[in-house]
Amino acid sequence: MTEYLDELKTKLAGLTDPELRWQATFGSNSIIWLVWHMARVEDGWLNSTVAGGKSV
């Protein structure tokens, strides 16, 4: 997980706020939304499946 997070940080480093919020088309998701969504899924998976608790 640490390796994955480090790589994600490397890829996002230097992107401006407009770049993080950019959408390829009107109905597509922005980079920042995708990162948020990945974090929510990971949180749900780790906390409910691995730790046996609730997502944060």
N, C-alpha and C. Protein backbone atom coordinates (compact mmCIF):
# COMPACT_ATOMS: atom_id res chain seq x y z
N MET A 1 0.82 -1.18 0.00
CA MET A 1 0.00 0.00 0.00
C MET A 1 0.87 1.26 0.00
N THR A 2 1.96 1.21 0.74
CA THR A 2 2.85 2.37 0.81
C THR A 2 3.45 2.65 -0.56
N GLU A 3 3.85 1.61 -1.24
CA GLU A 3 4.42 1.75 -2.57
C GLU A 3 3.41 2.37 -3.54
N TYR A 4 2.18 1.92 -3.46
CA TYR A 4 1.10 2.45 -4.30
C TYR A 4 0.86 3.93 -4.00
N LEU A 5 0.78 4.28 -2.71
CA LEU A 5 0.56 5.67 -2.31
C LEU A 5 1.70 6.57 -2.76
N ASP A 6 2.92 6.11 -2.60
CA ASP A 6 4.08 6.89 -3.03
C ASP A 6 4.03 7.16 -4.54
N GLU A 7 3.66 6.17 -5.31
CA GLU A 7 3.57 6.33 -6.76
C GLU A 7 2.45 7.30 -7.13
N LEU A 8 1.32 7.20 -6.44
CA LEU A 8 0.21 8.12 -6.69
C LEU A 8 0.63 9.56 -6.39
N LYS A 9 1.30 9.77 -5.27
CA LYS A 9 1.78 11.11 -4.92
C LYS A 9 2.74 11.64 -5.97
N THR A 10 3.61 10.79 -6.49
CA THR A 10 4.55 11.18 -7.54
C THR A 10 3.81 11.64 -8.79
N LYS A 11 2.78 10.90 -9.16
CA LYS A 11 2.02 11.24 -10.37
C LYS A 11 1.23 12.53 -10.21
N LEU A 12 0.75 12.81 -9.00
CA LEU A 12 -0.06 14.00 -8.76
C LEU A 12 0.77 15.25 -8.46
N ALA A 13 2.01 15.05 -8.07
CA ALA A 13 2.87 16.18 -7.70
C ALA A 13 3.00 17.16 -8.85
N GLY A 14 2.82 18.42 -8.53
CA GLY A 14 3.00 19.46 -9.52
C GLY A 14 1.76 19.79 -10.33
N LEU A 15 0.69 18.98 -10.20
CA LEU A 15 -0.53 19.31 -10.92
C LEU A 15 -1.21 20.49 -10.23
N THR A 16 -1.70 21.40 -11.02
CA THR A 16 -2.40 22.56 -10.48
C THR A 16 -3.83 22.19 -10.14
N ASP A 17 -4.50 23.05 -9.37
CA ASP A 17 -5.90 22.81 -9.03
C ASP A 17 -6.76 22.66 -10.28
N PRO A 18 -6.61 23.54 -11.28
CA PRO A 18 -7.41 23.35 -12.51
C PRO A 18 -7.12 22.02 -13.21
N GLU A 19 -5.88 21.58 -13.17
CA GLU A 19 -5.54 20.29 -13.80
C GLU A 19 -6.18 19.13 -13.03
N LEU A 20 -6.19 19.21 -11.70
CA LEU A 20 -6.81 18.16 -10.89
C LEU A 20 -8.32 18.11 -11.09
N ARG A 21 -8.92 19.24 -11.41
CA ARG A 21 -10.37 19.32 -11.58
C ARG A 21 -10.82 19.19 -13.05
N TRP A 22 -9.86 19.06 -13.95
CA TRP A 22 -10.16 18.97 -15.39
C TRP A 22 -10.96 17.71 -15.71
N GLN A 23 -11.92 17.85 -16.61
CA GLN A 23 -12.73 16.72 -17.07
C GLN A 23 -12.60 16.62 -18.59
N ALA A 24 -12.33 15.44 -19.08
CA ALA A 24 -12.15 15.22 -20.52
C ALA A 24 -13.43 15.55 -21.28
N THR A 25 -14.56 15.19 -20.71
CA THR A 25 -15.86 15.52 -21.29
C THR A 25 -16.77 15.98 -20.16
N PHE A 26 -17.89 16.54 -20.49
CA PHE A 26 -18.83 17.06 -19.50
C PHE A 26 -19.23 16.01 -18.48
N GLY A 27 -19.43 14.80 -18.90
CA GLY A 27 -19.89 13.74 -18.00
C GLY A 27 -18.81 12.91 -17.36
N SER A 28 -17.56 13.20 -17.63
CA SER A 28 -16.48 12.38 -17.07
C SER A 28 -16.04 12.90 -15.71
N ASN A 29 -15.31 12.09 -14.99
CA ASN A 29 -14.85 12.45 -13.65
C ASN A 29 -13.49 13.13 -13.72
N SER A 30 -13.26 14.03 -12.79
CA SER A 30 -11.97 14.71 -12.70
C SER A 30 -10.95 13.80 -12.02
N ILE A 31 -9.70 14.17 -12.13
CA ILE A 31 -8.62 13.41 -11.48
C ILE A 31 -8.85 13.40 -9.98
N ILE A 32 -9.16 14.56 -9.41
CA ILE A 32 -9.32 14.66 -7.96
C ILE A 32 -10.50 13.82 -7.48
N TRP A 33 -11.57 13.77 -8.25
CA TRP A 33 -12.71 12.93 -7.87
C TRP A 33 -12.31 11.46 -7.90
N LEU A 34 -11.57 11.05 -8.91
CA LEU A 34 -11.14 9.66 -9.01
C LEU A 34 -10.25 9.26 -7.84
N VAL A 35 -9.36 10.17 -7.44
CA VAL A 35 -8.49 9.89 -6.28
C VAL A 35 -9.33 9.77 -5.02
N TRP A 36 -10.30 10.67 -4.84
CA TRP A 36 -11.20 10.60 -3.68
C TRP A 36 -11.95 9.27 -3.68
N HIS A 37 -12.47 8.89 -4.83
CA HIS A 37 -13.24 7.66 -4.94
C HIS A 37 -12.37 6.44 -4.63
N MET A 38 -11.16 6.43 -5.13
CA MET A 38 -10.25 5.32 -4.83
C MET A 38 -9.98 5.24 -3.33
N ALA A 39 -9.82 6.40 -2.67
CA ALA A 39 -9.58 6.42 -1.23
C ALA A 39 -10.79 5.89 -0.47
N ARG A 40 -12.00 6.24 -0.89
CA ARG A 40 -13.22 5.77 -0.23
C ARG A 40 -13.36 4.26 -0.36
N VAL A 41 -13.11 3.75 -1.56
CA VAL A 41 -13.20 2.31 -1.78
C VAL A 41 -12.16 1.58 -0.93
N GLU A 42 -10.95 2.11 -0.93
CA GLU A 42 -9.88 1.50 -0.13
C GLU A 42 -10.23 1.53 1.36
N ASP A 43 -10.74 2.66 1.83
CA ASP A 43 -11.15 2.79 3.22
C ASP A 43 -12.22 1.75 3.57
N GLY A 44 -13.22 1.66 2.71
CA GLY A 44 -14.28 0.68 2.95
C GLY A 44 -13.78 -0.74 2.95
N TRP A 45 -12.90 -1.04 2.01
CA TRP A 45 -12.36 -2.39 1.92
C TRP A 45 -11.49 -2.72 3.13
N LEU A 46 -10.56 -1.84 3.47
CA LEU A 46 -9.66 -2.12 4.58
C LEU A 46 -10.39 -2.19 5.91
N ASN A 47 -11.27 -1.24 6.16
CA ASN A 47 -11.92 -1.20 7.46
C ASN A 47 -13.00 -2.25 7.63
N SER A 48 -13.75 -2.53 6.58
CA SER A 48 -14.82 -3.52 6.75
C SER A 48 -14.33 -4.94 6.53
N THR A 49 -13.46 -5.14 5.58
CA THR A 49 -13.01 -6.49 5.23
C THR A 49 -11.83 -6.94 6.08
N VAL A 50 -10.81 -6.11 6.14
CA VAL A 50 -9.57 -6.49 6.82
C VAL A 50 -9.67 -6.27 8.33
N ALA A 51 -10.11 -5.08 8.73
CA ALA A 51 -10.12 -4.73 10.16
C ALA A 51 -11.43 -5.12 10.84
N GLY A 52 -12.46 -5.42 10.06
CA GLY A 52 -13.72 -5.84 10.63
C GLY A 52 -14.54 -4.72 11.26
N GLY A 53 -14.23 -3.48 10.90
CA GLY A 53 -14.97 -2.35 11.47
C GLY A 53 -15.79 -1.62 10.44
N LYS A 54 -15.99 -0.35 10.67
CA LYS A 54 -16.74 0.50 9.75
C LYS A 54 -15.78 1.39 8.98
N SER A 55 -16.20 1.83 7.80
CA SER A 55 -15.36 2.75 7.04
C SER A 55 -15.33 4.09 7.74
N VAL A 56 -14.24 4.80 7.56
CA VAL A 56 -14.04 6.09 8.18
C VAL A 56 -14.53 7.14 7.23
